[in-house]
Amino acid sequence: MSIKTDTGIHDLVSRWAVRTPDTIAISDREALITYAELDGSASALADTLIQWGVAGESPVILALPRSIDFAVAALAVLRAGGCYVPVDPGYPAARQALIVEQSGARWAISTPACADALRDAGVQVMEMPNPVAGGRVDARAGARTHAGALAYIIFTSGSTGVPKGVAVSHEAVLNLVEADPRLAIAPGEVVAHLAPTAFDASTFELWSTLCRGGQVAVVGRDGVSIESLGAQLREIRPSWLFITTGLFHLLVDLDPGALATIDHVLTGGDVLAPRQVLAAAAAGREVFAAYGPTETTVFCSLHRVDPARPYGSVPLGSPLAGKHIYVLDADLRTVADGELGELYVGGAGVARGYHGNPGATAASFLPDPFRGDA
């Protein structure tokens, strides 16, 4: 079943800052930050953002790599009542400017390297300060957020046209965090943070961890190779890892021992090869084939790989709790088993639409004819 709540993402993180203030929230190879420090830093930064004018659903560009800084900045934006818009610092200046224009953002938090390009695009820029602010915080501080408020806008790759900003609410993220027992990260478990911040898998890595009292371990800040990834996974020994299909195939073929200590491996993003998923599952790992476009908040289905089952192809699996998946024809009627159709996803976790693009939203986000909702 789906989660119904008026709680914001930042509220759940703050609760852990109160319960377990000295527990490590995020680590990378050079630094770490506790839950109290994370919440305190985000609270201080949120105060500055509110003074700037950030308020309900104000978009704020975050041109930061995966790092402690990014998590602090994203949390601060949410605490201020805004929504964050992740931009890969490696994007060309023209793409950054396009995202600024399409998002309507007036503010940005950036690395020094991106600051000038963002200022040229017309936004007020803060270069990210040292994230660690001492002291404990009042978990009630910051803006009050309702469940339907926007949490983030992630822009699609634009490979089939102009990039579109997928607008995702707090409620959609918290449904991913809390509703499905297959994704129930336990307090204290370590989750590898490998996804670029502008890729929506980072939503799972960050918020499914920090909202549940786990530890985010930043991986591959200086680039990813099979050798370096294997070494870091052996060092960090995460309980959870999401890895894209191509990288998963390479890791299983070239360094299968890198997965030996990881309890839960999720992989997806392209067609999975049965040989590699079976090899990983046969080693005793819980391996999930994960599927879901950005518009469904990271994942909409999971298939747990059975090492004893012969696979001709790896299925998409069953919907996450609160989601509904249909295969329909051109008239939105269900097709019979074995017939071709299009995949439709409904229920909890479906994005609000494409930010500032009502035409594209109307074309892709349809009323659910089976349940009377979107």
Protein backbone atom coordinates (compact mmCIF):
# COMPACT_ATOMS: atom_id res chain seq x y z
CA MET A 1 0.00 0.00 0.00
CA SER A 2 1.13 3.57 -0.57
CA ILE A 3 2.29 5.96 2.12
CA LYS A 4 0.01 8.91 2.98
CA THR A 5 1.79 11.59 4.93
CA ASP A 6 2.23 15.31 5.40
CA THR A 7 5.82 14.74 6.45
CA GLY A 8 8.66 16.07 4.32
CA ILE A 9 11.88 14.28 3.46
CA HIS A 10 13.83 16.65 5.70
CA ASP A 11 11.54 15.90 8.65
CA LEU A 12 12.47 12.21 8.58
CA VAL A 13 16.18 13.03 8.40
CA SER A 14 15.77 15.42 11.34
CA ARG A 15 14.15 12.70 13.42
CA TRP A 16 17.29 10.59 13.05
CA ALA A 17 19.39 13.63 14.01
CA VAL A 18 17.43 13.70 17.27
CA ARG A 19 17.42 9.92 17.85
CA THR A 20 20.99 9.10 16.81
CA PRO A 21 22.85 12.43 16.60
CA ASP A 22 26.36 10.95 16.68
CA THR A 23 25.74 8.22 14.10
CA ILE A 24 27.58 8.69 10.81
CA ALA A 25 25.15 9.87 8.14
CA ILE A 26 27.51 10.25 5.16
CA SER A 27 31.11 9.29 4.55
CA ASP A 28 33.52 9.65 1.70
CA ARG A 29 37.20 8.88 1.43
CA GLU A 30 38.20 12.23 2.92
CA ALA A 31 35.49 13.16 5.42
CA LEU A 32 32.39 12.08 7.27
CA ILE A 33 29.42 13.84 8.83
CA THR A 34 27.09 12.73 11.62
CA TYR A 35 23.33 13.11 11.57
CA ALA A 36 23.52 16.05 14.00
CA GLU A 37 26.18 17.76 11.87
CA LEU A 38 24.24 17.09 8.66
CA ASP A 39 21.03 18.52 10.07
CA GLY A 40 22.80 21.45 11.70
CA SER A 41 24.64 22.35 8.48
CA ALA A 42 21.45 22.06 6.43
CA SER A 43 19.52 24.16 8.93
CA ALA A 44 22.12 26.95 8.83
CA LEU A 45 22.18 26.92 5.03
CA ALA A 46 18.38 26.85 4.88
CA ASP A 47 18.28 30.05 6.94
CA THR A 48 20.44 31.73 4.30
CA LEU A 49 18.26 30.44 1.48
CA ILE A 50 15.12 31.73 3.20
CA GLN A 51 16.79 35.16 3.51
CA TRP A 52 17.46 35.03 -0.23
CA GLY A 53 13.76 34.47 -0.84
CA VAL A 54 13.59 30.71 -1.31
CA ALA A 55 10.09 29.60 -0.27
CA GLY A 56 7.37 27.14 -1.25
CA GLU A 57 8.55 25.10 -4.26
CA SER A 58 11.21 27.63 -5.31
CA PRO A 59 13.61 25.78 -7.65
CA VAL A 60 17.27 25.95 -6.63
CA ILE A 61 20.02 24.68 -8.93
CA LEU A 62 22.54 22.35 -7.27
CA ALA A 63 25.63 22.13 -9.49
CA LEU A 64 27.53 19.82 -7.18
CA PRO A 65 28.98 16.31 -7.54
CA ARG A 66 27.98 13.43 -5.29
CA SER A 67 29.43 14.46 -1.97
CA ILE A 68 28.62 15.52 1.56
CA ASP A 69 28.18 19.04 0.16
CA PHE A 70 25.42 17.91 -2.20
CA ALA A 71 23.45 16.17 0.55
CA VAL A 72 23.73 19.21 2.83
CA ALA A 73 22.64 21.56 0.04
CA ALA A 74 19.70 19.38 -1.04
CA LEU A 75 18.51 19.01 2.54
CA ALA A 76 18.83 22.76 3.06
CA VAL A 77 16.71 23.51 0.01
CA LEU A 78 14.01 21.13 1.25
CA ARG A 79 14.11 22.64 4.74
CA ALA A 80 13.66 26.10 3.21
CA GLY A 81 10.56 24.85 1.39
CA GLY A 82 12.11 24.82 -2.06
CA CYS A 83 12.84 22.05 -4.54
CA TYR A 84 16.30 21.22 -5.76
CA VAL A 85 17.34 20.90 -9.41
CA PRO A 86 20.52 18.79 -9.73
CA VAL A 87 22.91 19.76 -12.50
CA ASP A 88 25.99 17.73 -13.30
CA PRO A 89 28.99 20.06 -12.87
CA GLY A 90 30.41 18.49 -16.02
CA TYR A 91 27.53 19.67 -18.20
CA PRO A 92 28.44 22.22 -20.88
CA ALA A 93 27.55 25.80 -19.98
CA ALA A 94 24.82 25.82 -22.65
CA ARG A 95 23.03 22.85 -21.05
CA GLN A 96 23.32 24.39 -17.61
CA ALA A 97 21.81 27.61 -18.98
CA LEU A 98 18.97 25.64 -20.60
CA ILE A 99 18.13 23.95 -17.29
CA VAL A 100 18.22 27.31 -15.50
CA GLU A 101 15.80 28.73 -18.07
CA GLN A 102 13.41 25.76 -18.11
CA SER A 103 13.36 25.35 -14.33
CA GLY A 104 12.80 29.04 -13.68
CA ALA A 105 15.47 28.94 -10.97
CA ARG A 106 16.72 32.24 -9.55
CA TRP A 107 19.29 30.72 -7.19
CA ALA A 108 22.06 28.14 -7.39
CA ILE A 109 24.50 26.41 -5.05
CA SER A 110 27.58 25.45 -6.97
CA THR A 111 31.20 24.43 -7.07
CA PRO A 112 33.52 27.36 -7.82
CA ALA A 113 34.17 25.87 -11.28
CA CYS A 114 30.51 26.22 -12.29
CA ALA A 115 29.75 29.52 -10.58
CA ASP A 116 30.60 31.91 -13.42
CA ALA A 117 28.58 29.98 -16.01
CA LEU A 118 25.57 29.95 -13.72
CA ARG A 119 25.89 33.66 -12.97
CA ASP A 120 26.02 34.27 -16.73
CA ALA A 121 22.75 32.32 -16.94
CA GLY A 122 21.16 34.89 -14.63
CA VAL A 123 21.01 33.24 -11.21
CA GLN A 124 22.34 34.24 -7.80
CA VAL A 125 25.07 31.77 -6.90
CA MET A 126 26.39 30.55 -3.56
CA GLU A 127 29.64 28.62 -3.71
CA MET A 128 29.24 25.70 -1.35
CA PRO A 129 30.68 26.39 2.12
CA ASN A 130 32.22 23.91 4.52
CA PRO A 131 29.22 21.66 5.30
CA VAL A 132 30.03 20.74 8.89
CA ALA A 133 28.35 23.09 11.37
CA GLY A 134 28.59 22.08 14.99
CA GLY A 135 25.75 21.82 17.45
CA ARG A 136 22.40 20.11 17.70
CA VAL A 137 19.32 21.39 15.95
CA ASP A 138 15.65 21.82 16.59
CA ALA A 139 14.04 19.28 14.26
CA ARG A 140 10.99 21.55 13.99
CA ALA A 141 12.99 24.40 12.45
CA GLY A 142 12.57 25.32 8.79
CA ALA A 143 9.62 25.61 6.46
CA ARG A 144 6.51 23.48 6.86
CA THR A 145 6.09 21.22 3.85
CA HIS A 146 3.00 19.37 2.69
CA ALA A 147 3.27 15.95 1.11
CA GLY A 148 2.37 17.08 -2.39
CA ALA A 149 5.05 19.79 -2.47
CA LEU A 150 7.85 19.40 -4.99
CA ALA A 151 11.05 17.89 -3.68
CA TYR A 152 13.14 17.97 -6.85
CA ILE A 153 13.12 18.49 -10.60
CA ILE A 154 15.40 16.19 -12.60
CA PHE A 155 15.91 16.86 -16.28
CA THR A 156 15.86 13.97 -18.73
CA SER A 157 18.81 13.36 -21.02
CA GLY A 158 17.06 14.91 -24.00
CA SER A 159 18.26 12.10 -26.27
CA THR A 160 14.89 12.08 -28.06
CA GLY A 161 14.33 15.85 -28.01
CA VAL A 162 14.61 18.83 -25.67
CA PRO A 163 15.26 17.79 -22.04
CA LYS A 164 12.16 17.83 -19.83
CA GLY A 165 12.14 18.53 -16.11
CA VAL A 166 10.44 15.70 -14.21
CA ALA A 167 8.75 17.19 -11.12
CA VAL A 168 8.69 14.82 -8.13
CA SER A 169 6.96 15.41 -4.79
CA HIS A 170 8.00 14.60 -1.23
CA GLU A 171 5.18 12.07 -1.06
CA ALA A 172 6.47 10.23 -4.13
CA VAL A 173 9.95 9.97 -2.61
CA LEU A 174 8.65 8.86 0.79
CA ASN A 175 6.59 6.15 -0.87
CA LEU A 176 9.84 4.82 -2.35
CA VAL A 177 11.49 5.12 1.07
CA GLU A 178 8.80 3.49 3.20
CA ALA A 179 6.20 1.50 1.28
CA ASP A 180 7.91 -1.59 -0.16
CA PRO A 181 9.60 -4.06 2.21
CA ARG A 182 12.02 -5.14 -0.51
CA LEU A 183 13.70 -1.72 -0.24
CA ALA A 184 13.65 -1.47 3.55
CA ILE A 185 17.10 -0.20 4.46
CA ALA A 186 17.77 -0.82 8.15
CA PRO A 187 19.28 1.75 10.54
CA GLY A 188 23.05 1.56 10.41
CA GLU A 189 23.23 -0.21 7.04
CA VAL A 190 25.67 1.27 4.55
CA VAL A 191 24.43 2.24 1.09
CA ALA A 192 26.87 3.02 -1.71
CA HIS A 193 26.28 6.37 -3.42
CA LEU A 194 27.54 5.78 -6.95
CA ALA A 195 24.94 7.53 -9.12
CA PRO A 196 25.58 11.03 -10.47
CA THR A 197 23.42 13.57 -8.65
CA ALA A 198 21.55 14.43 -11.86
CA PHE A 199 20.55 10.74 -12.25
CA ASP A 200 17.46 9.81 -10.25
CA ALA A 201 19.05 6.68 -8.76
CA SER A 202 20.70 9.14 -6.38
CA THR A 203 17.23 9.66 -4.88
CA PHE A 204 17.23 6.05 -3.68
CA GLU A 205 20.84 6.17 -2.53
CA LEU A 206 20.41 9.35 -0.49
CA TRP A 207 16.87 9.56 0.82
CA SER A 208 16.07 5.86 1.24
CA THR A 209 19.17 5.80 3.44
CA LEU A 210 19.03 9.09 5.34
CA CYS A 211 15.27 8.85 5.99
CA ARG A 212 15.81 5.41 7.57
CA GLY A 213 18.91 5.99 9.69
CA GLY A 214 21.45 4.37 7.38
CA GLN A 215 24.87 5.56 6.24
CA VAL A 216 25.55 6.90 2.75
CA ALA A 217 29.03 6.00 1.49
CA VAL A 218 30.13 8.16 -1.43
CA VAL A 219 31.85 6.09 -4.13
CA GLY A 220 33.79 7.13 -7.20
CA ARG A 221 34.03 10.89 -6.69
CA ASP A 222 37.14 11.01 -8.88
CA GLY A 223 35.73 8.84 -11.66
CA VAL A 224 34.79 5.19 -11.92
CA SER A 225 36.83 2.33 -13.32
CA ILE A 226 36.34 -1.37 -12.63
CA GLU A 227 39.61 -1.44 -10.68
CA SER A 228 38.82 1.60 -8.52
CA LEU A 229 35.18 0.60 -8.00
CA GLY A 230 36.17 -2.90 -6.89
CA ALA A 231 38.73 -1.50 -4.46
CA GLN A 232 36.26 0.97 -2.96
CA LEU A 233 33.51 -1.62 -2.57
CA ARG A 234 35.94 -3.91 -0.73
CA GLU A 235 36.90 -1.02 1.53
CA ILE A 236 33.38 0.27 2.21
CA ARG A 237 31.61 -3.13 2.26
CA PRO A 238 28.16 -1.62 1.67
CA SER A 239 24.99 -3.52 2.47
CA TRP A 240 23.24 -2.02 -0.59
CA LEU A 241 24.43 -1.14 -4.09
CA PHE A 242 22.55 0.13 -7.11
CA ILE A 243 24.61 -0.18 -10.27
CA THR A 244 23.66 0.48 -13.88
CA THR A 245 23.38 -2.48 -16.24
CA GLY A 246 26.53 -1.88 -18.28
CA LEU A 247 28.74 -1.38 -15.24
CA PHE A 248 27.15 -4.38 -13.50
CA HIS A 249 27.94 -6.65 -16.46
CA LEU A 250 31.55 -5.47 -16.50
CA LEU A 251 31.99 -5.86 -12.75
CA VAL A 252 30.61 -9.42 -12.76
CA ASP A 253 32.85 -10.38 -15.69
CA LEU A 254 36.07 -8.66 -14.59
CA ASP A 255 35.90 -8.50 -10.78
CA PRO A 256 33.06 -10.64 -9.39
CA GLY A 257 34.68 -10.69 -5.96
CA ALA A 258 33.84 -6.99 -5.58
CA LEU A 259 30.22 -7.99 -4.94
CA ALA A 260 31.08 -10.70 -2.43
CA THR A 261 30.29 -8.70 0.71
CA ILE A 262 27.26 -6.78 -0.60
CA ASP A 263 23.96 -8.13 0.71
CA HIS A 264 21.59 -6.41 -1.74
CA VAL A 265 22.51 -5.58 -5.34
CA LEU A 266 20.06 -3.68 -7.55
CA THR A 267 20.77 -3.25 -11.23
CA GLY A 268 18.88 -1.82 -14.17
CA GLY A 269 18.72 0.86 -16.81
CA ASP A 270 19.14 -1.42 -19.82
CA VAL A 271 18.52 -5.02 -20.88
CA LEU A 272 20.12 -7.36 -18.36
CA ALA A 273 22.05 -10.45 -19.45
CA PRO A 274 20.84 -13.60 -17.64
CA ARG A 275 24.37 -14.98 -17.34
CA GLN A 276 25.64 -12.08 -15.24
CA VAL A 277 22.60 -11.76 -12.99
CA LEU A 278 22.62 -15.49 -12.32
CA ALA A 279 26.34 -15.43 -11.57
CA ALA A 280 25.85 -12.66 -9.02
CA ALA A 281 22.83 -14.35 -7.42
CA ALA A 282 24.60 -17.72 -7.30
CA ALA A 283 27.30 -16.14 -5.12
CA GLY A 284 24.70 -15.67 -2.40
CA ARG A 285 23.83 -12.03 -3.06
CA GLU A 286 20.23 -10.82 -3.18
CA VAL A 287 20.09 -9.47 -6.73
CA PHE A 288 17.18 -7.40 -7.98
CA ALA A 289 16.49 -6.41 -11.56
CA ALA A 290 15.12 -2.88 -11.16
CA TYR A 291 13.04 -0.99 -13.69
CA GLY A 292 11.55 2.46 -13.73
CA PRO A 293 11.67 5.68 -15.72
CA THR A 294 12.42 8.93 -13.91
CA GLU A 295 8.72 9.77 -14.10
CA THR A 296 7.91 6.96 -11.63
CA THR A 297 10.43 8.03 -8.93
CA VAL A 298 13.44 5.81 -9.57
CA PHE A 299 11.90 2.31 -9.56
CA CYS A 300 8.42 1.08 -10.40
CA SER A 301 9.15 -2.67 -10.37
CA LEU A 302 11.63 -5.19 -8.99
CA HIS A 303 12.40 -8.81 -9.83
CA ARG A 304 14.39 -10.85 -7.34
CA VAL A 305 16.70 -13.11 -9.31
CA ASP A 306 16.34 -16.83 -8.52
CA PRO A 307 19.70 -18.56 -9.12
CA ALA A 308 17.93 -21.89 -9.59
CA ARG A 309 15.71 -20.58 -12.40
CA PRO A 310 16.76 -20.73 -16.07
CA TYR A 311 16.24 -17.32 -17.67
CA GLY A 312 15.80 -16.66 -21.35
CA SER A 313 15.44 -13.01 -20.40
CA VAL A 314 15.27 -11.19 -17.08
CA PRO A 315 11.71 -10.01 -16.32
CA LEU A 316 10.76 -6.57 -15.06
CA GLY A 317 9.19 -8.13 -11.98
CA SER A 318 6.30 -6.97 -9.84
CA PRO A 319 5.28 -3.39 -9.04
CA LEU A 320 6.51 -1.65 -5.93
CA ALA A 321 3.91 -1.23 -3.19
CA GLY A 322 1.35 1.39 -4.16
CA LYS A 323 2.17 1.24 -7.88
CA HIS A 324 0.16 -0.36 -10.70
CA ILE A 325 1.60 -1.58 -14.00
CA TYR A 326 -0.46 -2.35 -17.11
CA VAL A 327 0.28 -3.45 -20.67
CA LEU A 328 -2.25 -1.68 -22.89
CA ASP A 329 -3.12 -1.29 -26.56
CA ALA A 330 -3.60 2.00 -28.42
CA ASP A 331 -7.12 2.32 -26.95
CA LEU A 332 -5.86 1.84 -23.37
CA ARG A 333 -7.31 -1.66 -23.11
CA THR A 334 -5.36 -4.47 -21.48
CA VAL A 335 -3.79 -6.90 -23.93
CA ALA A 336 -3.86 -10.66 -23.61
CA ASP A 337 -0.82 -12.61 -22.45
CA GLY A 338 1.72 -12.84 -25.24
CA GLU A 339 0.39 -9.83 -27.16
CA LEU A 340 2.35 -6.64 -27.72
CA GLY A 341 1.38 -3.43 -25.98
CA GLU A 342 2.74 -0.37 -24.22
CA LEU A 343 3.71 -0.30 -20.57
CA TYR A 344 1.79 2.14 -18.34
CA VAL A 345 2.54 2.89 -14.69
CA GLY A 346 0.09 4.41 -12.20
CA GLY A 347 -0.40 4.88 -8.51
CA ALA A 348 1.96 6.19 -5.85
CA GLY A 349 5.26 7.64 -6.96
CA VAL A 350 4.18 8.90 -10.37
CA ALA A 351 5.66 12.37 -10.87
CA ARG A 352 3.50 15.47 -10.91
CA GLY A 353 4.41 16.04 -14.55
CA TYR A 354 6.96 17.95 -16.62
CA HIS A 355 7.81 21.24 -14.96
CA GLY A 356 6.55 24.21 -16.94
CA ASN A 357 5.51 22.00 -19.87
CA PRO A 358 1.75 21.38 -19.73
CA GLY A 359 1.62 20.04 -23.30
CA ALA A 360 4.16 17.29 -22.68
CA THR A 361 2.54 16.57 -19.31
CA ALA A 362 -0.90 16.12 -20.87
CA ALA A 363 0.54 13.80 -23.52
CA SER A 364 2.32 11.47 -21.09
CA PHE A 365 0.51 11.74 -17.74
CA LEU A 366 -2.95 10.31 -18.36
CA PRO A 367 -5.87 9.63 -16.00
CA ASP A 368 -5.82 5.99 -14.87
CA PRO A 369 -8.91 4.41 -16.50
CA PHE A 370 -8.77 1.48 -14.08
CA ARG A 371 -8.56 3.32 -10.77
CA GLY A 372 -9.79 6.83 -11.42
CA ASP A 373 -6.48 8.46 -10.50
CA ALA A 374 -3.28 9.48 -12.25
